[in-house]
Structure formats: structure tokens, C-alpha cells
Amino acid sequence: MEQIPTALEGSVLIRPGVFGDGRGFFAETYRESELAARFGITDRFVQDNHSRSARGVMRGMHFQVDPPAAKLVRCARGAILDVLVDIRPESSSFGSWEAWRLDDENMHMLFVPVGFAHGFCVLSEVADVIYKQTAYWSAEADRGFAPDDPDVGIDWPIPPDERLLSDRDRTAPRFAEVAGALRAAATGGVPDGGPSA
């Protein structure tokens, strides 16, 4: 495994070793000791998730509070543009985003630390996204903001009229609303980071 440089501090993009021949390939996608020794990822993962989505599907921008959850994301089938937004109020890159292509050819994996919102859009006809997380999903702790918020300005490659969003993501609040709640929580004003919808 090797690390690919990223701009947002804390995120880790990983290129796994892939061994192929005429039969296909083999890739080790998770080894706890390797992640800790080489990349400083010591989080304990407690839940695995698998989503399948059609071209144009956008999911995000999601995060979890109390307990927060880090993720280790990969695209096992097809291709996605995977996006992070820094939601750490004390960070100099608060509100900034970065995106990477994850697909079944490059096999890249993205570590999403606590303090980032995560989302993706599907570039292929179908995509299977598999990710580990460090806390059990909880409806009460689930939060998010609109993936197409112009104030954040994510450069999604799918035209607006071809995007497929859930009702939750389509009606999610703007980042400014969530940012205010996150800042208040950081100073003791709002304990849960505010509602997502």
C-alpha cells in the first residue's frame, strides 16, 4: 500500500498493492496493522456498508455526530467522484472541499477522518461503494448539507439535470446553516451539531 498526497489535512488516499495475471487480480484492501504503521490510521472499524447506485446518483454531503464516524471508502465496481468537505470549525480549511476518482481500475481507497462531510456521485452506469466506519450508524446522529450548495462550490461532473438525489439530500440545509451549528457546538452552544433536514 502507498499513500497518494492530498490537500486536506487528515484525509488519506491509499493505493493498494494489486497483483494480476491472466486469471484476474488479487488486492488486499484492509490490514489493520498496515494502516496503523504506514498511514497512522488507528481507528477501530465496527460497521461495513455497501451501496449500489446508478449513473448520476449523488449522495451527500453526510456526516455523523455523537458518536462521530470516520470511514474507509472504496469503489469495488464502476467509478465515482468521491468528495470531502472539511467541517472542523477550528481548521484553516473549514468549508473547503477536495475530490478524487475512485474506481475498480485504480482501486484507490479514501480514509475519511472525523471532522469531514462525505459524498459522491456515480460516473459509470452502475457503482458499488463499500466502506467501513468507526461508529454504528444512528438516525439521531446523522447530519448533512446540500451537495450542490453554491457556497461550497463542489465541481460535480454530472450536469444538474442528470443528477439523482434522495429527498433528504435534495432538501438538506445549506452549509452555512450547518456551519453555524458546528461552530456553536465547538464553543459549547449546540451539543449535537444541528439538524440535517
N, C-alpha and C. Protein backbone atom coordinates (compact mmCIF):
# COMPACT_ATOMS: atom_id res chain seq x y z
N MET A 1 0.84 -1.19 0.00
CA MET A 1 0.00 0.00 0.00
C MET A 1 0.88 1.25 0.00
N GLU A 2 0.45 2.28 -0.71
CA GLU A 2 1.19 3.54 -0.68
C GLU A 2 0.21 4.71 -0.62
N GLN A 3 0.67 5.81 -0.03
CA GLN A 3 -0.16 6.99 0.14
C GLN A 3 0.00 7.94 -1.03
N ILE A 4 -1.13 8.47 -1.49
CA ILE A 4 -1.16 9.47 -2.55
C ILE A 4 -1.43 10.81 -1.88
N PRO A 5 -0.64 11.85 -2.18
CA PRO A 5 -0.82 13.14 -1.49
C PRO A 5 -2.22 13.73 -1.67
N THR A 6 -2.72 14.36 -0.62
CA THR A 6 -4.00 15.06 -0.64
C THR A 6 -3.79 16.47 -0.09
N ALA A 7 -4.71 17.37 -0.40
CA ALA A 7 -4.59 18.75 0.06
C ALA A 7 -5.19 18.93 1.45
N LEU A 8 -6.30 18.26 1.73
CA LEU A 8 -6.97 18.41 3.03
C LEU A 8 -6.25 17.58 4.08
N GLU A 9 -5.77 18.25 5.11
CA GLU A 9 -5.02 17.58 6.16
C GLU A 9 -5.91 16.60 6.92
N GLY A 10 -5.41 15.39 7.07
CA GLY A 10 -6.14 14.35 7.78
C GLY A 10 -6.71 13.29 6.87
N SER A 11 -7.09 13.67 5.66
CA SER A 11 -7.57 12.67 4.70
C SER A 11 -6.39 11.86 4.19
N VAL A 12 -6.63 10.58 3.90
CA VAL A 12 -5.56 9.71 3.42
C VAL A 12 -6.08 8.94 2.21
N LEU A 13 -5.43 9.14 1.06
CA LEU A 13 -5.76 8.41 -0.16
C LEU A 13 -4.72 7.32 -0.33
N ILE A 14 -5.18 6.09 -0.49
CA ILE A 14 -4.30 4.92 -0.48
C ILE A 14 -4.41 4.16 -1.79
N ARG A 15 -3.25 3.80 -2.34
CA ARG A 15 -3.18 2.92 -3.50
C ARG A 15 -2.76 1.54 -3.00
N PRO A 16 -3.65 0.56 -3.04
CA PRO A 16 -3.28 -0.77 -2.54
C PRO A 16 -2.42 -1.51 -3.56
N GLY A 17 -1.71 -2.52 -3.08
CA GLY A 17 -0.99 -3.40 -3.99
C GLY A 17 -1.98 -4.29 -4.72
N VAL A 18 -1.89 -4.34 -6.05
CA VAL A 18 -2.77 -5.17 -6.86
C VAL A 18 -1.90 -6.14 -7.65
N PHE A 19 -2.20 -7.41 -7.52
CA PHE A 19 -1.41 -8.45 -8.18
C PHE A 19 -2.29 -9.16 -9.19
N GLY A 20 -1.96 -8.99 -10.47
CA GLY A 20 -2.80 -9.53 -11.52
C GLY A 20 -2.06 -10.46 -12.46
N ASP A 21 -2.83 -11.35 -13.09
CA ASP A 21 -2.32 -12.20 -14.16
C ASP A 21 -3.49 -12.53 -15.09
N GLY A 22 -3.32 -13.53 -15.91
CA GLY A 22 -4.36 -13.86 -16.88
C GLY A 22 -5.67 -14.30 -16.27
N ARG A 23 -5.65 -14.69 -15.00
CA ARG A 23 -6.88 -15.13 -14.33
C ARG A 23 -7.68 -13.97 -13.76
N GLY A 24 -7.02 -12.82 -13.54
CA GLY A 24 -7.68 -11.70 -12.88
C GLY A 24 -6.70 -10.99 -11.96
N PHE A 25 -7.13 -10.64 -10.75
CA PHE A 25 -6.23 -9.94 -9.83
C PHE A 25 -6.56 -10.32 -8.38
N PHE A 26 -5.63 -9.96 -7.51
CA PHE A 26 -5.83 -10.06 -6.06
C PHE A 26 -5.36 -8.76 -5.46
N ALA A 27 -6.14 -8.20 -4.52
CA ALA A 27 -5.76 -6.98 -3.82
C ALA A 27 -6.16 -7.09 -2.37
N GLU A 28 -5.24 -6.74 -1.50
CA GLU A 28 -5.55 -6.67 -0.07
C GLU A 28 -6.06 -5.26 0.21
N THR A 29 -7.31 -5.15 0.63
CA THR A 29 -7.93 -3.84 0.80
C THR A 29 -8.01 -3.38 2.25
N TYR A 30 -7.68 -4.26 3.17
CA TYR A 30 -7.68 -3.84 4.58
C TYR A 30 -6.73 -4.71 5.38
N ARG A 31 -5.81 -4.07 6.07
CA ARG A 31 -4.94 -4.73 7.05
C ARG A 31 -4.70 -3.73 8.15
N GLU A 32 -5.27 -4.00 9.30
CA GLU A 32 -5.24 -3.06 10.42
C GLU A 32 -3.82 -2.61 10.75
N SER A 33 -2.88 -3.55 10.83
CA SER A 33 -1.51 -3.21 11.22
C SER A 33 -0.83 -2.32 10.18
N GLU A 34 -1.11 -2.56 8.91
CA GLU A 34 -0.51 -1.77 7.84
C GLU A 34 -1.04 -0.34 7.85
N LEU A 35 -2.34 -0.19 8.05
CA LEU A 35 -2.93 1.15 8.10
C LEU A 35 -2.36 1.95 9.26
N ALA A 36 -2.15 1.30 10.39
CA ALA A 36 -1.60 1.98 11.56
C ALA A 36 -0.14 2.34 11.34
N ALA A 37 0.66 1.39 10.89
CA ALA A 37 2.10 1.61 10.76
C ALA A 37 2.46 2.57 9.64
N ARG A 38 1.79 2.47 8.51
CA ARG A 38 2.18 3.27 7.34
C ARG A 38 1.45 4.60 7.23
N PHE A 39 0.20 4.65 7.72
CA PHE A 39 -0.61 5.84 7.50
C PHE A 39 -1.13 6.48 8.78
N GLY A 40 -0.83 5.89 9.93
CA GLY A 40 -1.28 6.45 11.19
C GLY A 40 -2.76 6.30 11.45
N ILE A 41 -3.41 5.38 10.73
CA ILE A 41 -4.85 5.16 10.91
C ILE A 41 -5.02 4.07 11.97
N THR A 42 -5.39 4.49 13.16
CA THR A 42 -5.54 3.56 14.28
C THR A 42 -6.99 3.38 14.71
N ASP A 43 -7.90 3.98 13.97
CA ASP A 43 -9.32 3.89 14.29
C ASP A 43 -9.79 2.43 14.23
N ARG A 44 -10.73 2.11 15.09
CA ARG A 44 -11.33 0.77 15.09
C ARG A 44 -12.63 0.82 14.30
N PHE A 45 -12.72 0.01 13.25
CA PHE A 45 -13.91 -0.01 12.41
C PHE A 45 -14.90 -1.06 12.94
N VAL A 46 -16.18 -0.66 13.02
CA VAL A 46 -17.19 -1.52 13.65
C VAL A 46 -18.35 -1.88 12.72
N GLN A 47 -18.41 -1.24 11.54
CA GLN A 47 -19.55 -1.49 10.64
C GLN A 47 -19.08 -1.40 9.20
N ASP A 48 -19.52 -2.34 8.36
CA ASP A 48 -19.27 -2.31 6.92
C ASP A 48 -20.57 -2.00 6.20
N ASN A 49 -20.49 -1.17 5.15
CA ASN A 49 -21.66 -0.80 4.36
C ASN A 49 -21.38 -1.00 2.88
N HIS A 50 -22.42 -1.26 2.12
CA HIS A 50 -22.30 -1.49 0.68
C HIS A 50 -23.49 -0.82 0.01
N SER A 51 -23.22 0.13 -0.89
CA SER A 51 -24.30 0.77 -1.64
C SER A 51 -24.10 0.52 -3.13
N ARG A 52 -25.20 0.35 -3.84
CA ARG A 52 -25.17 0.25 -5.31
C ARG A 52 -25.99 1.40 -5.85
N SER A 53 -25.43 2.11 -6.83
CA SER A 53 -26.10 3.30 -7.37
C SER A 53 -25.92 3.36 -8.88
N ALA A 54 -26.90 3.96 -9.54
CA ALA A 54 -26.85 4.14 -10.99
C ALA A 54 -26.13 5.43 -11.36
N ARG A 55 -25.78 5.57 -12.63
CA ARG A 55 -25.11 6.78 -13.11
C ARG A 55 -25.94 8.02 -12.76
N GLY A 56 -25.26 9.05 -12.29
CA GLY A 56 -25.91 10.30 -11.96
C GLY A 56 -26.36 10.41 -10.52
N VAL A 57 -26.37 9.30 -9.78
CA VAL A 57 -26.76 9.36 -8.37
C VAL A 57 -25.72 10.16 -7.60
N MET A 58 -26.21 11.09 -6.79
CA MET A 58 -25.36 11.86 -5.87
C MET A 58 -25.81 11.57 -4.46
N ARG A 59 -24.86 11.25 -3.60
CA ARG A 59 -25.14 11.01 -2.19
C ARG A 59 -24.25 11.93 -1.37
N GLY A 60 -24.83 12.66 -0.44
CA GLY A 60 -24.04 13.57 0.39
C GLY A 60 -24.76 14.90 0.55
N MET A 61 -24.11 15.78 1.28
CA MET A 61 -22.86 15.58 1.99
C MET A 61 -23.18 15.17 3.43
N HIS A 62 -22.72 14.01 3.84
CA HIS A 62 -23.15 13.42 5.10
C HIS A 62 -22.03 13.35 6.13
N PHE A 63 -22.42 13.42 7.39
CA PHE A 63 -21.51 13.19 8.50
C PHE A 63 -22.34 12.77 9.71
N GLN A 64 -21.67 12.28 10.74
CA GLN A 64 -22.36 11.81 11.93
C GLN A 64 -21.76 12.47 13.17
N VAL A 65 -22.64 12.80 14.12
CA VAL A 65 -22.20 13.37 15.40
C VAL A 65 -22.63 12.46 16.54
N ASP A 66 -21.88 12.48 17.61
CA ASP A 66 -22.26 11.86 18.88
C ASP A 66 -22.90 10.48 18.75
N PRO A 67 -22.18 9.43 18.34
CA PRO A 67 -20.73 9.47 18.13
C PRO A 67 -20.38 9.79 16.69
N PRO A 68 -19.28 10.52 16.47
CA PRO A 68 -18.83 10.78 15.10
C PRO A 68 -18.26 9.50 14.50
N ALA A 69 -18.19 9.45 13.16
CA ALA A 69 -17.71 8.25 12.49
C ALA A 69 -16.70 8.60 11.41
N ALA A 70 -15.53 7.97 11.46
CA ALA A 70 -14.58 8.00 10.35
C ALA A 70 -14.95 6.87 9.40
N LYS A 71 -14.49 6.98 8.14
CA LYS A 71 -14.83 5.97 7.13
C LYS A 71 -13.59 5.60 6.32
N LEU A 72 -13.62 4.40 5.78
CA LEU A 72 -12.63 3.95 4.80
C LEU A 72 -13.42 3.50 3.59
N VAL A 73 -13.29 4.26 2.49
CA VAL A 73 -14.19 4.13 1.34
C VAL A 73 -13.43 3.60 0.12
N ARG A 74 -14.09 2.71 -0.62
CA ARG A 74 -13.55 2.28 -1.92
C ARG A 74 -14.70 1.98 -2.86
N CYS A 75 -14.42 2.01 -4.14
CA CYS A 75 -15.41 1.69 -5.16
C CYS A 75 -15.03 0.35 -5.77
N ALA A 76 -15.81 -0.68 -5.46
CA ALA A 76 -15.50 -2.04 -5.90
C ALA A 76 -15.98 -2.34 -7.31
N ARG A 77 -16.91 -1.54 -7.80
CA ARG A 77 -17.45 -1.74 -9.15
C ARG A 77 -17.78 -0.39 -9.74
N GLY A 78 -17.33 -0.13 -10.97
CA GLY A 78 -17.64 1.13 -11.61
C GLY A 78 -16.73 2.25 -11.15
N ALA A 79 -17.26 3.49 -11.19
CA ALA A 79 -16.44 4.67 -10.89
C ALA A 79 -17.29 5.74 -10.24
N ILE A 80 -16.68 6.43 -9.26
CA ILE A 80 -17.34 7.55 -8.59
C ILE A 80 -16.36 8.71 -8.46
N LEU A 81 -16.90 9.90 -8.29
CA LEU A 81 -16.13 11.04 -7.81
C LEU A 81 -16.46 11.15 -6.33
N ASP A 82 -15.46 10.93 -5.49
CA ASP A 82 -15.64 10.93 -4.04
C ASP A 82 -15.19 12.28 -3.50
N VAL A 83 -15.99 12.88 -2.63
CA VAL A 83 -15.76 14.27 -2.21
C VAL A 83 -15.78 14.38 -0.68
N LEU A 84 -14.85 15.17 -0.16
CA LEU A 84 -14.83 15.52 1.25
C LEU A 84 -14.94 17.03 1.41
N VAL A 85 -15.62 17.46 2.46
CA VAL A 85 -15.66 18.86 2.86
C VAL A 85 -15.21 18.93 4.31
N ASP A 86 -14.26 19.81 4.60
CA ASP A 86 -13.75 19.98 5.96
C ASP A 86 -14.80 20.72 6.78
N ILE A 87 -15.30 20.06 7.84
CA ILE A 87 -16.31 20.69 8.69
C ILE A 87 -15.78 20.91 10.11
N ARG A 88 -14.45 20.98 10.26
CA ARG A 88 -13.84 21.25 11.56
C ARG A 88 -13.76 22.76 11.75
N PRO A 89 -14.55 23.33 12.66
CA PRO A 89 -14.59 24.79 12.80
C PRO A 89 -13.23 25.43 13.07
N GLU A 90 -12.34 24.70 13.75
CA GLU A 90 -11.03 25.26 14.09
C GLU A 90 -10.02 25.14 12.96
N SER A 91 -10.38 24.47 11.87
CA SER A 91 -9.45 24.20 10.77
C SER A 91 -9.31 25.41 9.85
N SER A 92 -8.10 25.63 9.35
CA SER A 92 -7.88 26.72 8.38
C SER A 92 -8.52 26.40 7.04
N SER A 93 -8.88 25.13 6.80
CA SER A 93 -9.54 24.75 5.54
C SER A 93 -11.04 24.48 5.75
N PHE A 94 -11.61 25.01 6.84
CA PHE A 94 -13.04 24.83 7.12
C PHE A 94 -13.87 25.26 5.91
N GLY A 95 -14.74 24.37 5.44
CA GLY A 95 -15.59 24.66 4.29
C GLY A 95 -14.96 24.34 2.96
N SER A 96 -13.69 23.95 2.94
CA SER A 96 -13.02 23.61 1.68
C SER A 96 -13.33 22.16 1.31
N TRP A 97 -13.27 21.88 0.00
CA TRP A 97 -13.56 20.53 -0.47
C TRP A 97 -12.41 20.01 -1.33
N GLU A 98 -12.37 18.70 -1.45
CA GLU A 98 -11.41 18.03 -2.33
C GLU A 98 -12.09 16.78 -2.88
N ALA A 99 -11.76 16.40 -4.11
CA ALA A 99 -12.41 15.26 -4.76
C ALA A 99 -11.37 14.35 -5.40
N TRP A 100 -11.71 13.07 -5.44
CA TRP A 100 -10.85 12.07 -6.05
C TRP A 100 -11.72 11.07 -6.81
N ARG A 101 -11.19 10.56 -7.90
CA ARG A 101 -11.87 9.47 -8.62
C ARG A 101 -11.48 8.16 -7.95
N LEU A 102 -12.48 7.41 -7.52
CA LEU A 102 -12.29 6.05 -7.03
C LEU A 102 -12.98 5.12 -8.01
N ASP A 103 -12.29 4.09 -8.44
CA ASP A 103 -12.92 3.17 -9.38
C ASP A 103 -12.34 1.77 -9.27
N ASP A 104 -12.91 0.85 -10.04
CA ASP A 104 -12.48 -0.54 -9.97
C ASP A 104 -11.21 -0.81 -10.77
N GLU A 105 -10.64 0.24 -11.35
CA GLU A 105 -9.36 0.09 -12.05
C GLU A 105 -8.22 0.59 -11.18
N ASN A 106 -8.35 1.81 -10.63
CA ASN A 106 -7.25 2.31 -9.79
C ASN A 106 -7.27 1.70 -8.38
N MET A 107 -8.42 1.20 -7.95
CA MET A 107 -8.58 0.51 -6.66
C MET A 107 -8.25 1.40 -5.45
N HIS A 108 -8.21 2.72 -5.64
CA HIS A 108 -7.85 3.61 -4.55
C HIS A 108 -8.88 3.54 -3.43
N MET A 109 -8.39 3.77 -2.19
CA MET A 109 -9.24 3.82 -1.01
C MET A 109 -9.03 5.17 -0.34
N LEU A 110 -10.09 5.70 0.23
CA LEU A 110 -10.02 7.00 0.89
C LEU A 110 -10.40 6.87 2.35
N PHE A 111 -9.49 7.32 3.23
CA PHE A 111 -9.81 7.40 4.66
C PHE A 111 -10.41 8.77 4.92
N VAL A 112 -11.62 8.77 5.45
CA VAL A 112 -12.36 9.99 5.77
C VAL A 112 -12.35 10.14 7.28
N PRO A 113 -11.52 11.04 7.82
CA PRO A 113 -11.47 11.16 9.28
C PRO A 113 -12.71 11.85 9.84
N VAL A 114 -12.90 11.74 11.14
CA VAL A 114 -13.92 12.53 11.82
C VAL A 114 -13.62 14.00 11.55
N GLY A 115 -14.66 14.78 11.31
CA GLY A 115 -14.47 16.19 11.02
C GLY A 115 -14.61 16.53 9.56
N PHE A 116 -15.07 15.56 8.75
CA PHE A 116 -15.28 15.79 7.33
C PHE A 116 -16.66 15.27 6.93
N ALA A 117 -17.33 16.01 6.06
CA ALA A 117 -18.55 15.51 5.42
C ALA A 117 -18.13 14.77 4.16
N HIS A 118 -18.89 13.72 3.84
CA HIS A 118 -18.53 12.84 2.72
C HIS A 118 -19.70 12.72 1.75
N GLY A 119 -19.37 12.64 0.48
CA GLY A 119 -20.38 12.40 -0.54
C GLY A 119 -19.73 11.92 -1.82
N PHE A 120 -20.56 11.47 -2.75
CA PHE A 120 -20.01 11.03 -4.04
C PHE A 120 -21.08 11.11 -5.11
N CYS A 121 -20.64 11.09 -6.37
CA CYS A 121 -21.55 10.94 -7.49
C CYS A 121 -21.03 9.81 -8.37
N VAL A 122 -21.95 9.14 -9.05
CA VAL A 122 -21.61 7.97 -9.85
C VAL A 122 -21.34 8.39 -11.29
N LEU A 123 -20.16 7.98 -11.79
CA LEU A 123 -19.72 8.32 -13.14
C LEU A 123 -19.98 7.20 -14.15
N SER A 124 -20.07 5.97 -13.67
CA SER A 124 -20.27 4.80 -14.52
C SER A 124 -21.76 4.45 -14.57
N GLU A 125 -22.10 3.44 -15.36
CA GLU A 125 -23.51 3.05 -15.45
C GLU A 125 -24.04 2.54 -14.11
N VAL A 126 -23.18 1.91 -13.35
CA VAL A 126 -23.52 1.44 -12.01
C VAL A 126 -22.25 1.46 -11.18
N ALA A 127 -22.37 1.68 -9.88
CA ALA A 127 -21.20 1.68 -9.00
C ALA A 127 -21.57 1.05 -7.67
N ASP A 128 -20.67 0.19 -7.20
CA ASP A 128 -20.79 -0.39 -5.87
C ASP A 128 -19.75 0.27 -4.98
N VAL A 129 -20.21 0.95 -3.94
CA VAL A 129 -19.32 1.63 -2.99
C VAL A 129 -19.37 0.86 -1.68
N ILE A 130 -18.19 0.51 -1.19
CA ILE A 130 -18.06 -0.27 0.04
C ILE A 130 -17.25 0.56 1.02
N TYR A 131 -17.75 0.68 2.24
CA TYR A 131 -16.98 1.46 3.21
C TYR A 131 -17.17 0.93 4.63
N LYS A 132 -16.09 1.07 5.38
CA LYS A 132 -16.07 0.76 6.80
C LYS A 132 -16.31 2.05 7.57
N GLN A 133 -16.87 1.94 8.77
CA GLN A 133 -16.98 3.12 9.61
C GLN A 133 -16.72 2.77 11.06
N THR A 134 -16.32 3.80 11.82
CA THR A 134 -15.83 3.60 13.18
C THR A 134 -16.91 3.73 14.25
N ALA A 135 -18.13 4.04 13.85
CA ALA A 135 -19.25 4.09 14.79
C ALA A 135 -20.46 3.52 14.09
N TYR A 136 -21.35 2.90 14.86
CA TYR A 136 -22.57 2.38 14.27
C TYR A 136 -23.44 3.53 13.78
N TRP A 137 -24.06 3.33 12.60
CA TRP A 137 -24.93 4.38 12.07
C TRP A 137 -26.09 4.60 13.03
N SER A 138 -26.45 5.87 13.19
CA SER A 138 -27.54 6.24 14.07
C SER A 138 -28.35 7.35 13.41
N ALA A 139 -29.64 7.13 13.27
CA ALA A 139 -30.51 8.15 12.66
C ALA A 139 -30.47 9.44 13.46
N GLU A 140 -30.36 9.33 14.78
CA GLU A 140 -30.34 10.52 15.63
C GLU A 140 -29.06 11.33 15.46
N ALA A 141 -27.98 10.66 15.06
CA ALA A 141 -26.69 11.34 14.93
C ALA A 141 -26.36 11.73 13.50
N ASP A 142 -27.18 11.31 12.55
CA ASP A 142 -26.92 11.53 11.13
C ASP A 142 -27.19 12.98 10.76
N ARG A 143 -26.25 13.61 10.05
CA ARG A 143 -26.36 15.01 9.65
C ARG A 143 -25.93 15.17 8.19
N GLY A 144 -26.21 16.34 7.62
CA GLY A 144 -25.77 16.59 6.25
C GLY A 144 -26.11 17.99 5.79
N PHE A 145 -25.60 18.31 4.61
CA PHE A 145 -25.96 19.57 3.96
C PHE A 145 -26.02 19.33 2.45
N ALA A 146 -26.59 20.28 1.73
CA ALA A 146 -26.85 20.11 0.30
C ALA A 146 -25.56 19.92 -0.49
N PRO A 147 -25.48 18.86 -1.30
CA PRO A 147 -24.26 18.62 -2.07
C PRO A 147 -24.03 19.65 -3.18
N ASP A 148 -25.09 20.32 -3.60
CA ASP A 148 -24.94 21.31 -4.67
C ASP A 148 -24.99 22.74 -4.14
N ASP A 149 -24.69 22.94 -2.87
CA ASP A 149 -24.68 24.28 -2.28
C ASP A 149 -23.65 25.14 -3.01
N PRO A 150 -24.07 26.23 -3.65
CA PRO A 150 -23.12 27.06 -4.40
C PRO A 150 -22.07 27.73 -3.52
N ASP A 151 -22.35 27.90 -2.23
CA ASP A 151 -21.36 28.50 -1.34
C ASP A 151 -20.17 27.56 -1.11
N VAL A 152 -20.41 26.27 -1.17
CA VAL A 152 -19.32 25.30 -1.07
C VAL A 152 -18.65 25.15 -2.44
N GLY A 153 -19.46 25.09 -3.48
CA GLY A 153 -18.94 25.14 -4.85
C GLY A 153 -18.27 23.87 -5.34
N ILE A 154 -18.77 22.71 -4.91
CA ILE A 154 -18.19 21.45 -5.39
C ILE A 154 -18.42 21.35 -6.90
N ASP A 155 -17.37 21.01 -7.62
CA ASP A 155 -17.42 20.91 -9.08
C ASP A 155 -17.83 19.49 -9.48
N TRP A 156 -19.12 19.21 -9.39
CA TRP A 156 -19.61 17.88 -9.74
C TRP A 156 -19.58 17.70 -11.26
N PRO A 157 -19.13 16.56 -11.76
CA PRO A 157 -19.04 16.35 -13.21
C PRO A 157 -20.36 15.98 -13.87
N ILE A 158 -21.40 15.70 -13.09
CA ILE A 158 -22.71 15.34 -13.63
C ILE A 158 -23.55 16.62 -13.77
N PRO A 159 -24.09 16.91 -14.96
CA PRO A 159 -24.93 18.11 -15.13
C PRO A 159 -26.12 18.09 -14.18
N PRO A 160 -26.57 19.27 -13.74
CA PRO A 160 -27.68 19.33 -12.77
C PRO A 160 -28.92 18.57 -13.20
N ASP A 161 -29.27 18.60 -14.49
CA ASP A 161 -30.49 17.92 -14.93
C ASP A 161 -30.34 16.40 -15.01
N GLU A 162 -29.14 15.89 -14.78
CA GLU A 162 -28.91 14.43 -14.80
C GLU A 162 -28.63 13.87 -13.41
N ARG A 163 -28.69 14.72 -12.38
CA ARG A 163 -28.37 14.28 -11.03
C ARG A 163 -29.59 13.63 -10.37
N LEU A 164 -29.35 12.53 -9.69
CA LEU A 164 -30.40 11.81 -8.98
C LEU A 164 -30.10 11.89 -7.49
N LEU A 165 -30.93 12.61 -6.75
CA LEU A 165 -30.73 12.81 -5.32
C LEU A 165 -31.92 12.27 -4.54
N SER A 166 -31.67 11.83 -3.33
CA SER A 166 -32.76 11.45 -2.43
C SER A 166 -33.50 12.71 -1.99
N ASP A 167 -34.71 12.52 -1.48
CA ASP A 167 -35.45 13.67 -0.95
C ASP A 167 -34.67 14.33 0.18
N ARG A 168 -34.04 13.51 1.00
CA ARG A 168 -33.25 14.04 2.11
C ARG A 168 -32.15 14.97 1.62
N ASP A 169 -31.38 14.53 0.61
CA ASP A 169 -30.27 15.35 0.12
C ASP A 169 -30.76 16.56 -0.67
N ARG A 170 -31.88 16.39 -1.39
CA ARG A 170 -32.42 17.49 -2.19
C ARG A 170 -32.91 18.63 -1.30
N THR A 171 -33.42 18.30 -0.11
CA THR A 171 -33.98 19.32 0.78
C THR A 171 -33.06 19.64 1.96
N ALA A 172 -31.82 19.16 1.91
CA ALA A 172 -30.87 19.39 3.01
C ALA A 172 -30.56 20.88 3.14
N PRO A 173 -30.20 21.33 4.33
CA PRO A 173 -29.88 22.74 4.52
C PRO A 173 -28.59 23.14 3.81
N ARG A 174 -28.40 24.43 3.66
CA ARG A 174 -27.15 24.95 3.11
C ARG A 174 -26.03 24.76 4.14
N PHE A 175 -24.80 24.77 3.65
CA PHE A 175 -23.65 24.58 4.53
C PHE A 175 -23.59 25.67 5.59
N ALA A 176 -23.98 26.89 5.25
CA ALA A 176 -23.90 28.00 6.22
C ALA A 176 -24.73 27.70 7.47
N GLU A 177 -25.89 27.04 7.29
CA GLU A 177 -26.72 26.69 8.45
C GLU A 177 -26.03 25.66 9.31
N VAL A 178 -25.47 24.65 8.67
CA VAL A 178 -24.77 23.59 9.40
C VAL A 178 -23.49 24.14 10.03
N ALA A 179 -22.80 25.02 9.31
CA ALA A 179 -21.55 25.60 9.82
C ALA A 179 -21.80 26.38 11.10
N GLY A 180 -22.90 27.12 11.15
CA GLY A 180 -23.23 27.86 12.35
C GLY A 180 -23.43 26.94 13.54
N ALA A 181 -24.13 25.83 13.31
CA ALA A 181 -24.36 24.87 14.39
C ALA A 181 -23.06 24.20 14.82
N LEU A 182 -22.18 23.90 13.85
CA LEU A 182 -20.89 23.28 14.18
C LEU A 182 -20.02 24.23 14.99
N ARG A 183 -20.01 25.51 14.61
CA ARG A 183 -19.22 26.49 15.37
C ARG A 183 -19.77 26.64 16.78
N ALA A 184 -21.10 26.67 16.89
CA ALA A 184 -21.71 26.80 18.21
C ALA A 184 -21.40 25.58 19.07
N ALA A 185 -21.43 24.38 18.46
CA ALA A 185 -21.12 23.16 19.21
C ALA A 185 -19.68 23.18 19.68
N ALA A 186 -18.77 23.71 18.85
CA ALA A 186 -17.36 23.75 19.22
C ALA A 186 -17.11 24.66 20.40
N THR A 187 -17.99 25.65 20.60
CA THR A 187 -17.83 26.57 21.72
C THR A 187 -18.82 26.28 22.85
N GLY A 188 -19.52 25.15 22.71
CA GLY A 188 -20.43 24.73 23.78
C GLY A 188 -21.85 25.22 23.64
N GLY A 189 -22.20 25.80 22.46
CA GLY A 189 -23.54 26.34 22.30
C GLY A 189 -24.59 25.33 21.91
N VAL A 190 -24.29 24.47 20.96
CA VAL A 190 -25.23 23.45 20.48
C VAL A 190 -24.53 22.10 20.56
N PRO A 191 -25.00 21.19 21.41
CA PRO A 191 -24.25 19.96 21.63
C PRO A 191 -24.23 18.98 20.49
N ASP A 192 -25.22 19.02 19.58
CA ASP A 192 -25.31 17.93 18.60
C ASP A 192 -24.98 18.32 17.17
N GLY A 193 -24.54 19.54 16.91
CA GLY A 193 -24.19 19.93 15.55
C GLY A 193 -25.35 20.38 14.70
N GLY A 194 -26.55 20.38 15.23
CA GLY A 194 -27.70 20.87 14.50
C GLY A 194 -28.33 19.82 13.63
N PRO A 195 -29.59 20.01 13.24
CA PRO A 195 -30.30 19.02 12.42
C PRO A 195 -29.82 19.06 10.98
N SER A 196 -30.04 17.93 10.27
CA SER A 196 -29.60 17.85 8.89
C SER A 196 -30.71 18.17 7.90
N ALA A 197 -31.95 18.15 8.30
CA ALA A 197 -33.03 18.42 7.37
C ALA A 197 -34.25 18.91 8.12
